[in-house]
């Protein structure tokens, strides 16, 4: 489109076929799903495919005067849609596990529910935390053009992040397909509420990308030994009344040692 003055300084390659445009003179929208009856433009015709002489049906302003109102096909929208689709399937899979197999297992924390938290896209792949009543895992899902259905359950893989290298275990589920999981917390008995678990998940996602934590994760053997000692001390203290809740934001060690436990759900 020559001389386009609208959104993105005329960069039409940033406007998808789904973009809903709006006249900046009279604010009349053009929705490709509806087309334009006044010019016999069929529904499904993208704005960029309109004839060169097409103009606003209300004020006759030329195409060049239209701005993007919303664009479901933009990269950001597509990424959000992909995340929503992927995490919805993941939550559905593990909600089914919760109802079918885990509800009456003694180790579960019935104050919690299955929820995806802190999700985003890293190196083109969905990445975030899955909270459940019996575990909290860091989960990586395949990119839009990847097929992980052939992953071997139980196979281990080390994945590098700015804060260090983390051990993930491969698995597959019916709705989710292939995924990779890194154990953060299991069991979940120390969590006092769903919101507290979500706060910790979000803090984990922030800490994962901080290079200042790399020195901690590089001392994997030392940290694992310290974590085992902490767990042993916790076991000895069982039965005592615990007034202190897990902090809303995990300590540096809590975040980083969790990633090297190698016990994914």
Protein backbone atom coordinates (compact mmCIF):
# COMPACT_ATOMS: atom_id res chain seq x y z
CA UNK A 1 0.00 0.00 0.00
CA UNK A 2 1.76 3.14 -1.20
CA UNK A 3 1.79 6.18 1.06
CA UNK A 4 0.15 4.44 4.00
CA UNK A 5 0.09 6.81 6.99
CA UNK A 6 -1.67 4.62 9.53
CA UNK A 7 -0.31 2.47 12.36
CA UNK A 8 3.35 1.40 12.62
CA UNK A 9 4.43 4.36 10.43
CA UNK A 10 3.05 2.62 7.40
CA UNK A 11 4.79 -0.71 8.00
CA UNK A 12 2.06 -2.91 6.57
CA UNK A 13 3.98 -6.11 7.31
CA UNK A 14 3.07 -5.61 10.98
CA UNK A 15 -0.65 -5.73 10.26
CA UNK A 16 -2.16 -9.22 10.11
CA UNK A 17 -5.06 -10.39 7.99
CA UNK A 18 -7.20 -10.32 11.14
CA UNK A 19 -6.53 -6.67 11.97
CA UNK A 20 -9.59 -4.53 12.70
CA UNK A 21 -8.86 -1.05 11.39
CA UNK A 22 -10.44 2.27 12.36
CA UNK A 23 -10.77 5.51 10.44
CA UNK A 24 -8.87 8.22 12.29
CA UNK A 25 -11.21 10.88 10.87
CA UNK A 26 -14.62 9.53 11.93
CA UNK A 27 -13.64 6.35 13.89
CA UNK A 28 -15.59 4.03 11.59
CA UNK A 29 -14.15 0.51 11.89
CA UNK A 30 -13.32 -1.97 9.15
CA UNK A 31 -13.63 -5.54 10.40
CA UNK A 32 -12.34 -8.15 7.90
CA UNK A 33 -14.76 -10.68 9.37
CA UNK A 34 -17.64 -8.52 8.16
CA UNK A 35 -16.29 -6.96 4.96
CA UNK A 36 -18.00 -3.86 3.51
CA UNK A 37 -21.49 -4.10 2.02
CA UNK A 38 -21.26 -0.58 0.54
CA UNK A 39 -18.46 -1.69 -1.80
CA UNK A 40 -19.51 -5.35 -2.05
CA UNK A 41 -16.37 -6.44 -0.17
CA UNK A 42 -16.92 -10.00 0.99
CA UNK A 43 -16.54 -11.06 4.65
CA UNK A 44 -13.05 -12.45 5.25
CA UNK A 45 -11.29 -9.80 3.13
CA UNK A 46 -8.23 -8.43 4.99
CA UNK A 47 -7.81 -4.67 5.15
CA UNK A 48 -4.60 -4.83 3.11
CA UNK A 49 -6.47 -6.69 0.33
CA UNK A 50 -9.05 -3.93 -0.16
CA UNK A 51 -9.01 -2.18 -3.57
CA UNK A 52 -6.68 0.81 -3.82
CA UNK A 53 -9.62 3.13 -4.33
CA UNK A 54 -11.54 1.85 -1.31
CA UNK A 55 -12.43 4.57 1.19
CA UNK A 56 -14.21 4.92 4.50
CA UNK A 57 -17.91 4.13 3.95
CA UNK A 58 -18.87 6.90 6.39
CA UNK A 59 -16.62 9.89 5.60
CA UNK A 60 -14.83 8.78 2.39
CA UNK A 61 -11.38 9.06 3.99
CA UNK A 62 -8.81 7.01 2.02
CA UNK A 63 -7.32 3.74 3.29
CA UNK A 64 -4.17 5.58 4.32
CA UNK A 65 -6.11 7.27 7.13
CA UNK A 66 -6.98 4.03 8.94
CA UNK A 67 -5.28 2.91 12.15
CA UNK A 68 -5.14 -0.49 13.83
CA UNK A 69 -7.91 -0.81 16.42
CA UNK A 70 -7.09 -4.37 17.43
CA UNK A 71 -5.17 -7.18 15.80
CA UNK A 72 -5.79 -10.73 17.03
CA UNK A 73 -3.23 -11.98 14.54
CA UNK A 74 -0.33 -9.84 15.74
CA UNK A 75 2.71 -11.56 17.18
CA UNK A 76 1.84 -10.58 20.73
CA UNK A 77 -1.73 -11.74 20.37
CA UNK A 78 -0.68 -14.98 18.72
CA UNK A 79 1.83 -15.63 21.50
CA UNK A 80 -0.84 -14.98 24.13
CA UNK A 81 -3.27 -17.25 22.32
CA UNK A 82 -0.64 -20.00 22.10
CA UNK A 83 0.13 -19.69 25.82
CA UNK A 84 -3.54 -19.81 26.69
CA UNK A 85 -4.13 -22.89 24.53
CA UNK A 86 -1.08 -24.75 25.86
CA UNK A 87 -1.57 -23.94 29.55
CA UNK A 88 -5.30 -24.69 29.36
CA UNK A 89 -4.51 -28.21 28.14
CA UNK A 90 -1.82 -28.65 30.81
CA UNK A 91 -4.14 -27.57 33.62
CA UNK A 92 -6.91 -29.81 32.27
CA UNK A 93 -4.55 -32.81 32.17
CA UNK A 94 -3.41 -32.44 35.77
CA UNK A 95 -6.85 -31.50 37.06
CA UNK A 96 -7.97 -34.87 35.72
CA UNK A 97 -5.07 -36.55 37.54
CA UNK A 98 -6.08 -34.74 40.73
CA UNK A 99 -9.68 -35.93 40.56
CA UNK A 100 -8.89 -39.45 39.33
CA UNK A 101 -5.82 -40.45 41.32
CA UNK A 102 -4.47 -37.92 43.80
CA UNK A 103 -7.40 -36.50 45.79
CA UNK A 104 -7.16 -39.07 48.60
CA UNK A 105 -3.37 -39.42 48.68
CA UNK A 106 -2.03 -38.34 52.13
CA UNK A 107 0.76 -36.09 50.79
CA UNK A 108 -1.56 -33.68 48.94
CA UNK A 109 -2.32 -30.19 50.19
CA UNK A 110 -6.07 -29.74 49.77
CA UNK A 111 -5.76 -25.98 50.21
CA UNK A 112 -4.29 -25.87 46.69
CA UNK A 113 -5.59 -26.42 43.18
CA UNK A 114 -4.05 -26.98 39.75
CA UNK A 115 -3.03 -23.65 38.20
CA UNK A 116 -0.55 -22.32 35.63
CA UNK A 117 1.41 -19.28 36.88
CA UNK A 118 4.11 -16.94 35.59
CA UNK A 119 3.94 -18.15 31.98
CA UNK A 120 5.70 -16.52 29.05
CA UNK A 121 7.63 -17.45 25.92
CA UNK A 122 11.37 -18.13 26.16
CA UNK A 123 13.38 -18.95 23.02
CA UNK A 124 10.08 -19.47 21.22
CA UNK A 125 8.78 -22.05 23.72
CA UNK A 126 6.11 -21.62 26.40
CA UNK A 127 7.70 -21.69 29.85
CA UNK A 128 6.16 -21.32 33.27
CA UNK A 129 5.17 -22.95 36.54
CA UNK A 130 2.47 -25.54 37.13
CA UNK A 131 1.05 -25.56 40.66
CA UNK A 132 -0.80 -28.59 41.97
CA UNK A 133 -1.79 -29.89 45.42
CA UNK A 134 1.17 -32.28 45.34
CA UNK A 135 3.94 -30.52 43.40
CA UNK A 136 5.16 -27.28 41.86
CA UNK A 137 7.12 -27.78 38.63
CA UNK A 138 8.83 -25.54 36.12
CA UNK A 139 7.40 -26.65 32.76
CA UNK A 140 8.67 -26.15 29.23
CA UNK A 141 6.33 -26.83 26.30
CA UNK A 142 7.16 -27.12 22.59
CA UNK A 143 7.11 -24.16 20.23
CA UNK A 144 4.23 -23.79 17.81
CA UNK A 145 6.11 -25.63 15.05
CA UNK A 146 7.60 -28.38 17.27
CA UNK A 147 6.31 -31.89 17.96
CA UNK A 148 7.35 -33.41 21.29
CA UNK A 149 4.98 -36.37 21.17
CA UNK A 150 7.96 -38.68 20.77
CA UNK A 151 9.63 -37.72 24.07
CA UNK A 152 10.61 -40.72 26.20
CA UNK A 153 9.03 -40.52 29.66
CA UNK A 154 11.67 -40.35 32.38
CA UNK A 155 14.50 -39.22 30.11
CA UNK A 156 16.52 -36.36 31.63
CA UNK A 157 17.79 -33.20 29.97
CA UNK A 158 19.76 -30.26 31.31
CA UNK A 159 18.50 -26.87 30.10
CA UNK A 160 20.48 -23.67 30.60
CA UNK A 161 19.00 -20.39 31.83
CA UNK A 162 20.75 -17.17 32.87
CA UNK A 163 20.73 -18.30 36.53
CA UNK A 164 22.25 -21.72 35.77
CA UNK A 165 21.64 -25.19 34.38
CA UNK A 166 18.54 -27.12 35.44
CA UNK A 167 17.58 -30.77 35.12
CA UNK A 168 14.29 -31.45 33.36
CA UNK A 169 12.49 -34.78 32.98
CA UNK A 170 10.62 -35.63 29.78
CA UNK A 171 7.01 -36.77 29.87
CA UNK A 172 3.83 -36.82 27.78
CA UNK A 173 0.15 -36.51 28.59
CA UNK A 174 -2.97 -36.97 26.49
CA UNK A 175 -4.07 -33.34 26.20
CA UNK A 176 -0.71 -31.63 26.72
CA UNK A 177 1.40 -33.87 24.54
CA UNK A 178 5.13 -33.81 25.21
CA UNK A 179 6.54 -31.57 27.92
CA UNK A 180 9.64 -31.14 30.09
CA UNK A 181 9.37 -30.70 33.87
CA UNK A 182 11.81 -29.48 36.51
CA UNK A 183 10.77 -30.08 40.13
CA UNK A 184 10.59 -26.99 42.33
CA UNK A 185 8.65 -28.14 45.40
CA UNK A 186 7.21 -31.53 46.41
CA UNK A 187 5.28 -32.15 48.57
CA UNK A 188 3.39 -28.86 48.98
CA UNK A 189 2.48 -29.06 52.66
CA UNK A 190 4.26 -25.83 53.64
CA UNK A 191 1.99 -23.67 51.49
CA UNK A 192 -0.87 -22.04 53.39
CA UNK A 193 -2.89 -20.72 50.43
CA UNK A 194 -3.18 -20.78 46.64
CA UNK A 195 -2.11 -17.14 46.44
CA UNK A 196 1.07 -17.90 48.36
CA UNK A 197 1.90 -20.66 45.87
CA UNK A 198 1.24 -18.29 42.96
CA UNK A 199 3.49 -15.63 44.52
CA UNK A 200 6.31 -18.16 44.89
CA UNK A 201 5.83 -19.36 41.30
CA UNK A 202 6.10 -15.79 40.00
CA UNK A 203 9.24 -15.20 42.09
CA UNK A 204 10.78 -18.39 40.70
CA UNK A 205 10.19 -17.18 37.14
CA UNK A 206 11.91 -13.89 37.91
CA UNK A 207 14.89 -15.51 39.65
CA UNK A 208 15.36 -17.98 36.79
CA UNK A 209 16.55 -15.20 34.51
CA UNK A 210 18.88 -13.41 36.95
CA UNK A 211 22.56 -14.11 36.24
CA UNK A 212 23.48 -13.16 39.80
CA UNK A 213 22.17 -16.55 40.93
CA UNK A 214 24.49 -18.56 38.67
CA UNK A 215 27.19 -19.00 41.33
CA UNK A 216 24.65 -20.73 43.55
CA UNK A 217 23.47 -23.20 40.91
CA UNK A 218 27.02 -24.00 39.84
CA UNK A 219 27.58 -25.44 43.34
CA UNK A 220 24.99 -28.14 42.68
CA UNK A 221 26.49 -30.88 44.86
CA UNK A 222 26.99 -28.57 47.85
CA UNK A 223 23.51 -27.13 47.53
CA UNK A 224 21.91 -30.56 47.17
CA UNK A 225 23.67 -31.72 50.36
CA UNK A 226 22.49 -28.61 52.18
CA UNK A 227 18.95 -29.15 50.94
CA UNK A 228 18.99 -32.79 52.10
CA UNK A 229 20.15 -31.62 55.53
CA UNK A 230 17.34 -29.08 55.63
CA UNK A 231 14.78 -31.74 54.70
CA UNK A 232 16.14 -34.08 57.38
CA UNK A 233 15.81 -31.32 59.98
CA UNK A 234 12.25 -30.70 58.80
CA UNK A 235 11.41 -34.37 59.19
CA UNK A 236 12.69 -34.37 62.78
CA UNK A 237 10.58 -31.32 63.55
CA UNK A 238 7.34 -32.85 62.23
CA UNK A 239 4.56 -32.80 64.74
CA UNK A 240 5.66 -29.46 66.19
CA UNK A 241 3.29 -26.57 65.61
CA UNK A 242 4.53 -24.40 62.72
CA UNK A 243 3.47 -20.79 63.05
CA UNK A 244 5.69 -19.38 60.34
CA UNK A 245 4.35 -19.62 56.78
CA UNK A 246 6.58 -20.00 53.73
CA UNK A 247 7.69 -16.50 52.67
CA UNK A 248 5.70 -14.89 49.87
CA UNK A 249 8.95 -14.63 47.89
CA UNK A 250 11.32 -17.63 48.11
CA UNK A 251 14.88 -17.17 49.27
CA UNK A 252 17.69 -17.41 46.77
CA UNK A 253 18.50 -20.94 47.94
CA UNK A 254 14.87 -22.10 47.89
CA UNK A 255 14.50 -21.09 44.26
CA UNK A 256 17.79 -22.43 43.00
CA UNK A 257 18.13 -25.68 44.94
CA UNK A 258 14.64 -26.63 43.86
CA UNK A 259 15.75 -26.71 40.25
CA UNK A 260 18.46 -29.33 40.82
CA UNK A 261 16.48 -31.85 42.87
CA UNK A 262 15.73 -33.91 39.78
CA UNK A 263 12.34 -35.02 41.07
CA UNK A 264 9.75 -33.86 38.52
CA UNK A 265 6.07 -34.84 38.58
